[in-house]
Amino acid sequence: MAETAWLPVMAAVKPLHGLTFALLHLTCLRLLAESIPRHLTATALTIYGTAGIGAPTAVLTLASGLI
């Protein structure tokens, strides 16, 4: 996506990007469900959302602004 803005390529790449992200997210949630005790599920999801998705997104957004 960083190499071209040609619409046919973008139309093919965006759904693939969405699919791979969805599969990664569902896999992470499944691993959490299998490995975390039931009474700690909310805490684990909070940590995953903050450390696994939120913080990297914030850091990369700030870094992209400097580029």
Protein backbone atom coordinates (compact mmCIF):
# COMPACT_ATOMS: atom_id res chain seq x y z
CA MET A 1 0.00 0.00 0.00
CA ALA A 2 2.95 2.31 0.55
CA GLU A 3 4.25 1.65 -2.95
CA THR A 4 1.23 2.57 -5.06
CA ALA A 5 -2.00 4.51 -5.12
CA TRP A 6 -3.34 2.66 -8.16
CA LEU A 7 -6.99 1.89 -7.42
CA PRO A 8 -7.12 -1.75 -8.62
CA VAL A 9 -4.16 -2.67 -6.43
CA MET A 10 -5.59 -0.82 -3.45
CA ALA A 11 -8.96 -2.51 -3.96
CA ALA A 12 -7.25 -5.91 -3.77
CA VAL A 13 -4.87 -5.14 -0.91
CA LYS A 14 -7.24 -3.48 1.56
CA PRO A 15 -9.54 -6.51 2.00
CA LEU A 16 -6.50 -8.76 2.42
CA HIS A 17 -5.14 -6.43 5.08
CA GLY A 18 -8.50 -6.48 6.88
CA LEU A 19 -8.67 -10.26 6.69
CA THR A 20 -5.18 -10.80 8.08
CA PHE A 21 -5.82 -8.34 10.93
CA ALA A 22 -9.12 -10.05 11.77
CA LEU A 23 -7.46 -13.47 11.83
CA LEU A 24 -4.67 -12.19 14.07
CA HIS A 25 -7.15 -10.56 16.45
CA LEU A 26 -9.36 -13.65 16.65
CA THR A 27 -6.32 -15.84 17.29
CA CYS A 28 -5.16 -13.60 20.11
CA LEU A 29 -8.63 -13.65 21.68
CA ARG A 30 -8.77 -17.43 21.41
CA LEU A 31 -5.36 -17.78 23.06
CA LEU A 32 -6.48 -15.50 25.87
CA ALA A 33 -9.67 -17.50 26.34
CA GLU A 34 -7.72 -20.76 26.53
CA SER A 35 -4.87 -19.62 28.75
CA ILE A 36 -6.37 -17.11 31.19
CA PRO A 37 -8.53 -18.14 34.15
CA ARG A 38 -12.15 -17.16 33.66
CA HIS A 39 -12.17 -14.65 36.53
CA LEU A 40 -9.28 -12.70 34.93
CA THR A 41 -10.76 -12.47 31.43
CA ALA A 42 -11.71 -8.78 31.66
CA THR A 43 -8.27 -7.85 32.96
CA ALA A 44 -6.55 -9.85 30.22
CA LEU A 45 -8.69 -8.20 27.51
CA THR A 46 -7.90 -4.77 28.94
CA ILE A 47 -4.17 -5.45 28.91
CA TYR A 48 -4.35 -6.91 25.40
CA GLY A 49 -6.31 -3.92 24.12
CA THR A 50 -3.94 -1.42 25.73
CA ALA A 51 -0.55 -3.06 25.29
CA GLY A 52 -1.28 -5.14 22.21
CA ILE A 53 -3.26 -2.70 20.09
CA GLY A 54 -3.55 0.75 21.67
CA ALA A 55 0.03 1.55 22.65
CA PRO A 56 1.66 0.35 19.40
CA THR A 57 -0.92 2.25 17.37
CA ALA A 58 -0.26 5.44 19.34
CA VAL A 59 3.52 5.11 19.05
CA LEU A 60 3.40 4.35 15.33
CA THR A 61 0.99 7.23 14.69
CA LEU A 62 3.35 9.63 16.46
CA ALA A 63 6.33 8.22 14.56
CA SER A 64 4.47 8.55 11.25
CA GLY A 65 3.85 12.22 11.94
CA LEU A 66 7.58 12.81 12.09
CA ILE A 67 8.25 11.10 8.77
